[in-house]
Amino acid sequence: MHHEQSSAPDADAGAYASFLITGDTVSPEFWTGYFQVSPDSTIVKGRSFALPSGKASKALGKTGLWGVSSEFAVQDNLLAPHLRYLVNRLGLPRDGLREVLQQAGAKVRFSCFWFNPSGDRLPDVPDNIRAMMRAMGGTIEIDEYR
């Protein structure tokens, strides 16, 4: 029997993070070359893209996206190890990245998953990573699930 993998958050995973570059003119090939890292997800505006199941989307990409995730690389209920993994994997901060993003018409963000069924956990984003993202003109978004 074949079971499709669920894309629902793993109940064991209390946190993970993704580094996402988005924008209408985002070229996944450019960012793969820039970081020398294979992305976990890419979308080209106006084209079909791979869904988490591996199937092609019926809808066309509304905007471009290049993303790297810590979801399967780091097993930790806290955000800091996930964010540090991405910072190290991508060699952040990088001189001139803010300008490259501006020239590419792209935005950058850390998108964080935070599983908090008890409601008593506070997301732990290190101050130095907050400051680095501010300096790049980026944001940190936390999606909390209860």
Protein backbone atom coordinates (compact mmCIF):
# COMPACT_ATOMS: atom_id res chain seq x y z
CA MET A 1 0.00 0.00 0.00
CA HIS A 2 1.22 3.48 -0.85
CA HIS A 3 0.83 6.28 1.68
CA GLU A 4 1.45 9.87 0.66
CA GLN A 5 3.59 11.76 3.11
CA SER A 6 1.53 14.31 4.92
CA SER A 7 2.67 17.92 4.64
CA ALA A 8 1.16 18.58 8.07
CA PRO A 9 3.68 19.73 10.67
CA ASP A 10 5.35 16.85 12.48
CA ALA A 11 3.99 16.84 16.04
CA ASP A 12 7.51 16.07 17.30
CA ALA A 13 8.96 19.13 15.61
CA GLY A 14 8.46 22.11 17.85
CA ALA A 15 10.16 24.51 15.48
CA TYR A 16 11.87 24.97 12.14
CA ALA A 17 12.81 27.88 9.94
CA SER A 18 13.12 28.72 6.26
CA PHE A 19 15.24 31.40 4.59
CA LEU A 20 13.13 32.78 1.76
CA ILE A 21 13.93 35.18 -1.06
CA THR A 22 10.81 36.35 -2.87
CA GLY A 23 9.91 38.73 -5.67
CA ASP A 24 8.37 38.80 -9.12
CA THR A 25 11.76 38.71 -10.84
CA VAL A 26 13.44 36.17 -8.52
CA SER A 27 15.56 33.76 -10.57
CA PRO A 28 16.13 30.54 -8.59
CA GLU A 29 19.26 29.79 -10.67
CA PHE A 30 20.80 33.14 -9.71
CA TRP A 31 20.32 32.58 -5.96
CA THR A 32 21.50 28.95 -6.15
CA GLY A 33 24.69 30.24 -7.78
CA TYR A 34 25.01 33.16 -5.36
CA PHE A 35 24.80 31.00 -2.23
CA GLN A 36 26.23 27.81 -3.78
CA VAL A 37 23.43 25.95 -1.99
CA SER A 38 20.71 23.76 -3.49
CA PRO A 39 17.33 25.20 -2.46
CA ASP A 40 14.56 23.18 -0.85
CA SER A 41 11.89 25.12 -2.76
CA THR A 42 11.77 27.32 -5.83
CA ILE A 43 9.02 29.07 -7.74
CA VAL A 44 9.30 31.07 -10.95
CA LYS A 45 6.48 33.60 -11.42
CA GLY A 46 4.03 32.47 -14.09
CA ARG A 47 5.23 28.85 -14.13
CA SER A 48 4.08 25.62 -12.53
CA PHE A 49 6.18 24.57 -9.52
CA ALA A 50 6.83 21.42 -7.48
CA LEU A 51 4.48 20.88 -4.56
CA PRO A 52 5.72 19.24 -1.31
CA SER A 53 4.23 15.96 -2.64
CA GLY A 54 6.54 16.21 -5.67
CA LYS A 55 3.64 16.79 -8.05
CA ALA A 56 3.51 19.87 -10.27
CA SER A 57 1.19 22.67 -9.18
CA LYS A 58 -1.91 23.36 -11.24
CA ALA A 59 -1.70 27.03 -10.33
CA LEU A 60 1.13 29.15 -11.68
CA GLY A 61 3.54 30.86 -9.33
CA LYS A 62 2.20 34.24 -8.16
CA THR A 63 5.73 35.41 -7.40
CA GLY A 64 9.25 34.04 -7.52
CA LEU A 65 10.73 32.20 -4.55
CA TRP A 66 14.04 30.63 -3.51
CA GLY A 67 14.06 28.92 -0.14
CA VAL A 68 16.19 26.81 2.16
CA SER A 69 14.66 25.07 5.19
CA SER A 70 16.02 23.60 8.43
CA GLU A 71 13.00 21.29 8.78
CA PHE A 72 14.75 17.99 8.02
CA ALA A 73 18.33 19.02 8.87
CA VAL A 74 17.86 20.08 12.50
CA GLN A 75 15.88 18.28 15.20
CA ASP A 76 15.26 20.84 17.91
CA ASN A 77 12.21 22.36 19.61
CA LEU A 78 13.87 25.76 19.83
CA LEU A 79 14.23 28.18 16.92
CA ALA A 80 17.80 29.34 17.59
CA PRO A 81 19.49 26.10 16.38
CA HIS A 82 17.39 26.19 13.19
CA LEU A 83 18.23 29.83 12.50
CA ARG A 84 21.94 29.26 13.23
CA TYR A 85 21.94 26.28 10.86
CA LEU A 86 20.55 28.46 8.05
CA VAL A 87 22.97 31.32 8.84
CA ASN A 88 25.91 28.88 8.67
CA ARG A 89 24.64 27.00 5.61
CA LEU A 90 24.15 30.25 3.68
CA GLY A 91 27.28 31.99 4.95
CA LEU A 92 25.37 34.93 6.42
CA PRO A 93 25.83 37.82 6.82
CA ARG A 94 27.29 38.52 3.37
CA ASP A 95 28.79 41.82 2.29
CA GLY A 96 26.61 43.46 -0.33
CA LEU A 97 23.66 41.08 0.00
CA ARG A 98 21.28 43.93 0.81
CA GLU A 99 22.30 45.70 -2.42
CA VAL A 100 22.03 42.49 -4.46
CA LEU A 101 18.52 41.94 -3.08
CA GLN A 102 17.53 45.54 -3.92
CA GLN A 103 18.91 45.27 -7.46
CA ALA A 104 17.04 41.97 -7.90
CA GLY A 105 13.80 43.54 -6.61
CA ALA A 106 13.70 40.81 -3.99
CA LYS A 107 12.72 40.59 -0.34
CA VAL A 108 14.32 38.28 2.23
CA ARG A 109 12.83 36.76 5.35
CA PHE A 110 13.16 33.98 7.86
CA SER A 111 9.81 32.20 8.03
CA CYS A 112 9.62 30.30 11.31
CA PHE A 113 7.26 27.51 12.34
CA TRP A 114 6.57 27.48 16.08
CA PHE A 115 4.46 24.67 17.57
CA ASN A 116 3.02 25.88 20.88
CA PRO A 117 0.03 23.74 21.92
CA SER A 118 0.45 24.60 25.62
CA GLY A 119 0.69 28.32 24.86
CA ASP A 120 3.60 28.76 27.28
CA ARG A 121 6.56 28.72 24.87
CA LEU A 122 8.16 31.94 23.65
CA PRO A 123 9.99 31.89 20.31
CA ASP A 124 13.73 32.26 20.84
CA VAL A 125 15.19 34.37 18.05
CA PRO A 126 18.76 35.40 18.94
CA ASP A 127 19.33 39.17 19.02
CA ASN A 128 22.33 38.91 16.66
CA ILE A 129 20.15 37.18 14.04
CA ARG A 130 17.41 39.82 14.45
CA ALA A 131 20.05 42.54 13.98
CA MET A 132 21.55 40.78 10.94
CA MET A 133 18.13 40.51 9.24
CA ARG A 134 17.38 44.19 9.99
CA ALA A 135 20.74 45.15 8.44
CA MET A 136 19.84 43.15 5.30
CA GLY A 137 16.43 44.83 5.12
CA GLY A 138 14.82 41.48 5.89
CA THR A 139 12.13 40.31 8.28
CA ILE A 140 11.52 37.42 10.63
CA GLU A 141 8.01 35.97 10.57
CA ILE A 142 6.80 33.47 13.15
CA ASP A 143 3.78 31.27 12.40
CA GLU A 144 2.59 29.90 15.71
CA TYR A 145 0.48 26.72 15.80
CA ARG A 146 -1.46 25.77 18.91
